[in-house]
Amino acid sequence: MSNKLLPFDIADYLDSKGAIAEYLSQVCADGGADELRRALDHIAEAKRRRAVEG
């Protein structure tokens, strides 16, 4: 039996203001400038998806 990893996209889980705030809080506490830039890109993608779906 082979194990397969499922794709993970954090933007799929940034579905509320609370989730976004917690994500940013963790990135600010543990990450650097590059990670913060990526986090902002993830948040923008999550918001774009919600706008398209909504």
C-alpha atoms as a PDB file:
ATOM      1  CA  MET A   1       0.000   0.000   0.000  1.00  0.00           C
ATOM      2  CA  SER A   2       1.411   3.378  -0.950  1.00  0.00           C
ATOM      3  CA  ASN A   3       0.663   6.523   0.959  1.00  0.00           C
ATOM      4  CA  LYS A   4      -0.342   9.570  -1.025  1.00  0.00           C
ATOM      5  CA  LEU A   5      -0.132  13.079   0.292  1.00  0.00           C
ATOM      6  CA  LEU A   6      -3.080  15.302  -0.449  1.00  0.00           C
ATOM      7  CA  PRO A   7      -2.400  18.820  -1.707  1.00  0.00           C
ATOM      8  CA  PHE A   8      -2.583  21.467   1.002  1.00  0.00           C
ATOM      9  CA  ASP A   9      -3.487  25.083   0.330  1.00  0.00           C
ATOM     10  CA  ILE A  10      -3.745  27.336   3.372  1.00  0.00           C
ATOM     11  CA  ALA A  11      -6.065  29.670   1.439  1.00  0.00           C
ATOM     12  CA  ASP A  12      -8.717  26.933   1.652  1.00  0.00           C
ATOM     13  CA  TYR A  13      -8.769  27.363   5.436  1.00  0.00           C
ATOM     14  CA  LEU A  14      -8.725  31.167   5.637  1.00  0.00           C
ATOM     15  CA  ASP A  15     -12.500  31.369   5.531  1.00  0.00           C
ATOM     16  CA  SER A  16     -13.222  33.890   8.284  1.00  0.00           C
ATOM     17  CA  LYS A  17     -11.812  37.057   9.792  1.00  0.00           C
ATOM     18  CA  GLY A  18     -10.888  35.067  12.890  1.00  0.00           C
ATOM     19  CA  ALA A  19      -8.937  32.475  10.888  1.00  0.00           C
ATOM     20  CA  ILE A  20      -7.104  35.207   8.998  1.00  0.00           C
ATOM     21  CA  ALA A  21      -6.286  37.083  12.211  1.00  0.00           C
ATOM     22  CA  GLU A  22      -4.932  33.934  13.882  1.00  0.00           C
ATOM     23  CA  TYR A  23      -2.875  33.064  10.806  1.00  0.00           C
ATOM     24  CA  LEU A  24      -1.348  36.540  10.680  1.00  0.00           C
ATOM     25  CA  SER A  25      -0.704  36.467  14.406  1.00  0.00           C
ATOM     26  CA  GLN A  26       1.228  33.207  14.106  1.00  0.00           C
ATOM     27  CA  VAL A  27       3.197  34.395  11.078  1.00  0.00           C
ATOM     28  CA  CYS A  28       4.131  37.653  12.814  1.00  0.00           C
ATOM     29  CA  ALA A  29       5.218  35.784  15.948  1.00  0.00           C
ATOM     30  CA  ASP A  30       7.266  33.108  14.201  1.00  0.00           C
ATOM     31  CA  GLY A  31       8.131  34.259  10.688  1.00  0.00           C
ATOM     32  CA  GLY A  32      10.238  36.779   8.911  1.00  0.00           C
ATOM     33  CA  ALA A  33       9.499  39.327   6.217  1.00  0.00           C
ATOM     34  CA  ASP A  34       9.430  36.756   3.406  1.00  0.00           C
ATOM     35  CA  GLU A  35       6.960  34.576   5.273  1.00  0.00           C
ATOM     36  CA  LEU A  36       4.775  37.613   5.981  1.00  0.00           C
ATOM     37  CA  ARG A  37       4.720  38.464   2.265  1.00  0.00           C
ATOM     38  CA  ARG A  38       3.665  34.888   1.427  1.00  0.00           C
ATOM     39  CA  ALA A  39       0.986  35.017   4.134  1.00  0.00           C
ATOM     40  CA  LEU A  40      -0.442  38.207   2.662  1.00  0.00           C
ATOM     41  CA  ASP A  41      -0.529  36.515  -0.749  1.00  0.00           C
ATOM     42  CA  HIS A  42      -2.392  33.546   0.786  1.00  0.00           C
ATOM     43  CA  ILE A  43      -4.906  35.888   2.406  1.00  0.00           C
ATOM     44  CA  ALA A  44      -5.450  37.768  -0.853  1.00  0.00           C
ATOM     45  CA  GLU A  45      -6.042  34.453  -2.644  1.00  0.00           C
ATOM     46  CA  ALA A  46      -8.527  33.325   0.014  1.00  0.00           C
ATOM     47  CA  LYS A  47     -10.436  36.598  -0.286  1.00  0.00           C
ATOM     48  CA  ARG A  48     -10.426  36.364  -4.084  1.00  0.00           C
ATOM     49  CA  ARG A  49     -11.875  32.855  -3.933  1.00  0.00           C
ATOM     50  CA  ARG A  50     -14.603  33.912  -1.514  1.00  0.00           C
ATOM     51  CA  ALA A  51     -15.518  36.858  -3.756  1.00  0.00           C
ATOM     52  CA  VAL A  52     -15.819  34.553  -6.774  1.00  0.00           C
ATOM     53  CA  GLU A  53     -17.879  31.993  -4.842  1.00  0.00           C
ATOM     54  CA  GLY A  54     -20.004  34.531  -3.018  1.00  0.00           C
END
